[in-house]
Amino acid sequence: MKQDNYSEWKRKKEDLEKRLAADPTNLTLGHSLWELLCENPNFDIRSGEWILKCYEQAALNTSEGALMLSRAYYDLYLQSGEVPKPISFTLELVNAIKNAENNYSGQDKDSITWVLAHLQK
């Protein structure tokens, strides 16, 4: 990534982080930040830490947030082989994801079920 492009990317990242910190349940902001992070091949997202920063508060408050968190983890797995780490999840977050599971079917439910399976190992 060229320096000019990196500077613009960094500015966008910092702006989204600031806006998300002020409104942590805003799923649109969280998703925008996650997409921005994923588009930079030099930014390491493999730990899953950024998924939690982007989606955790929304997941605690809405089933859609839990779904988006689960989809992001599954996409990360497909790209890098990384799976959710149980130590990174609070009991409250695990319960929110479990509660969301019955609201979905098909691939959406599969993403949530996949995350839960890795959290129970």
Protein backbone atom coordinates (compact mmCIF):
# COMPACT_ATOMS: atom_id res chain seq x y z
CA MET A 1 0.00 0.00 0.00
CA LYS A 2 1.46 3.33 -1.04
CA GLN A 3 2.09 5.94 1.65
CA ASP A 4 -0.71 8.23 0.39
CA ASN A 5 -3.15 5.34 0.33
CA TYR A 6 -2.00 4.19 3.76
CA SER A 7 -2.43 7.67 5.21
CA GLU A 8 -5.98 7.86 3.87
CA TRP A 9 -6.73 4.33 5.12
CA LYS A 10 -5.34 5.17 8.56
CA ARG A 11 -7.40 8.36 8.72
CA LYS A 12 -10.57 6.44 7.85
CA LYS A 13 -9.73 3.76 10.42
CA GLU A 14 -9.18 6.30 13.17
CA ASP A 15 -12.40 8.13 12.28
CA LEU A 16 -14.44 4.93 12.34
CA GLU A 17 -12.83 3.82 15.61
CA LYS A 18 -13.70 7.15 17.20
CA ARG A 19 -17.27 7.06 15.94
CA LEU A 20 -17.73 3.44 17.04
CA ALA A 21 -16.35 4.22 20.50
CA ALA A 22 -19.02 6.92 20.83
CA ASP A 23 -21.77 4.57 19.56
CA PRO A 24 -20.56 1.00 20.23
CA THR A 25 -23.84 -0.73 19.36
CA ASN A 26 -23.97 0.84 15.88
CA LEU A 27 -23.76 -2.18 13.62
CA THR A 28 -23.27 -0.07 10.50
CA LEU A 29 -20.18 1.59 11.97
CA GLY A 30 -18.82 -1.71 13.24
CA HIS A 31 -19.29 -3.35 9.86
CA SER A 32 -17.73 -0.40 8.04
CA LEU A 33 -14.67 -0.62 10.27
CA TRP A 34 -14.39 -4.39 9.77
CA GLU A 35 -14.59 -4.04 5.99
CA LEU A 36 -11.95 -1.30 6.04
CA LEU A 37 -9.60 -3.46 8.11
CA CYS A 38 -10.10 -6.42 5.77
CA GLU A 39 -9.24 -4.41 2.67
CA ASN A 40 -5.70 -3.65 3.88
CA PRO A 41 -3.51 -6.72 3.26
CA ASN A 42 -0.85 -5.33 5.60
CA PHE A 43 -3.19 -5.14 8.60
CA ASP A 44 -3.25 -8.34 10.66
CA ILE A 45 -6.80 -9.26 11.64
CA ARG A 46 -6.15 -12.94 12.33
CA SER A 47 -6.47 -12.87 16.11
CA GLY A 48 -10.16 -12.03 15.95
CA GLU A 49 -9.62 -9.16 18.38
CA TRP A 50 -10.85 -6.69 15.79
CA ILE A 51 -14.01 -8.69 15.17
CA LEU A 52 -14.89 -8.26 18.81
CA LYS A 53 -14.05 -4.56 18.70
CA CYS A 54 -16.28 -4.12 15.67
CA TYR A 55 -19.25 -6.28 16.64
CA GLU A 56 -19.30 -7.24 20.32
CA GLN A 57 -21.52 -4.47 21.66
CA ALA A 58 -23.99 -4.88 18.78
CA ALA A 59 -23.98 -8.65 19.35
CA LEU A 60 -24.80 -8.14 23.01
CA ASN A 61 -27.82 -6.05 22.05
CA THR A 62 -29.22 -7.56 18.84
CA SER A 63 -29.43 -10.90 17.11
CA GLU A 64 -28.29 -9.16 13.91
CA GLY A 65 -25.11 -8.10 15.74
CA ALA A 66 -24.54 -11.69 16.83
CA LEU A 67 -25.03 -12.84 13.25
CA MET A 68 -22.59 -10.27 11.86
CA LEU A 69 -19.98 -11.24 14.47
CA SER A 70 -20.44 -14.90 13.56
CA ARG A 71 -20.19 -14.23 9.83
CA ALA A 72 -17.01 -12.21 10.33
CA TYR A 73 -15.41 -15.04 12.31
CA TYR A 74 -16.39 -17.60 9.70
CA ASP A 75 -15.02 -15.41 6.89
CA LEU A 76 -11.80 -14.96 8.86
CA TYR A 77 -11.58 -18.74 9.21
CA LEU A 78 -12.00 -19.21 5.46
CA GLN A 79 -9.21 -16.71 4.78
CA SER A 80 -6.73 -17.64 7.50
CA GLY A 81 -7.78 -20.80 9.31
CA GLU A 82 -8.27 -18.84 12.54
CA VAL A 83 -11.16 -19.93 14.75
CA PRO A 84 -12.87 -18.13 17.63
CA LYS A 85 -10.96 -18.43 20.88
CA PRO A 86 -13.18 -19.14 23.90
CA ILE A 87 -10.96 -17.06 26.17
CA SER A 88 -11.88 -13.95 24.17
CA PHE A 89 -15.62 -14.32 24.77
CA THR A 90 -17.50 -13.35 27.92
CA LEU A 91 -20.32 -15.57 29.12
CA GLU A 92 -22.70 -12.73 28.33
CA LEU A 93 -21.52 -12.64 24.71
CA VAL A 94 -21.73 -16.43 24.33
CA ASN A 95 -25.29 -16.33 25.67
CA ALA A 96 -26.23 -13.52 23.28
CA ILE A 97 -24.92 -15.57 20.35
CA LYS A 98 -26.80 -18.66 21.60
CA ASN A 99 -30.00 -16.64 21.89
CA ALA A 100 -29.60 -15.36 18.33
CA GLU A 101 -29.13 -18.83 16.86
CA ASN A 102 -32.85 -19.67 16.80
CA ASN A 103 -33.69 -16.46 14.92
CA TYR A 104 -31.96 -17.66 11.76
CA SER A 105 -31.88 -20.55 9.34
CA GLY A 106 -29.68 -21.77 6.52
CA GLN A 107 -26.22 -20.27 6.14
CA ASP A 108 -26.93 -17.59 8.73
CA LYS A 109 -27.72 -20.18 11.38
CA ASP A 110 -24.78 -22.29 10.23
CA SER A 111 -22.38 -19.37 10.89
CA ILE A 112 -23.71 -18.92 14.40
CA THR A 113 -23.68 -22.67 15.10
CA TRP A 114 -20.08 -22.88 13.84
CA VAL A 115 -18.94 -20.12 16.23
CA LEU A 116 -20.74 -21.74 19.16
CA ALA A 117 -19.16 -25.12 18.38
CA HIS A 118 -15.70 -23.56 18.64
CA LEU A 119 -16.56 -21.80 21.87
CA GLN A 120 -17.60 -25.06 23.51
CA LYS A 121 -14.29 -26.83 22.83
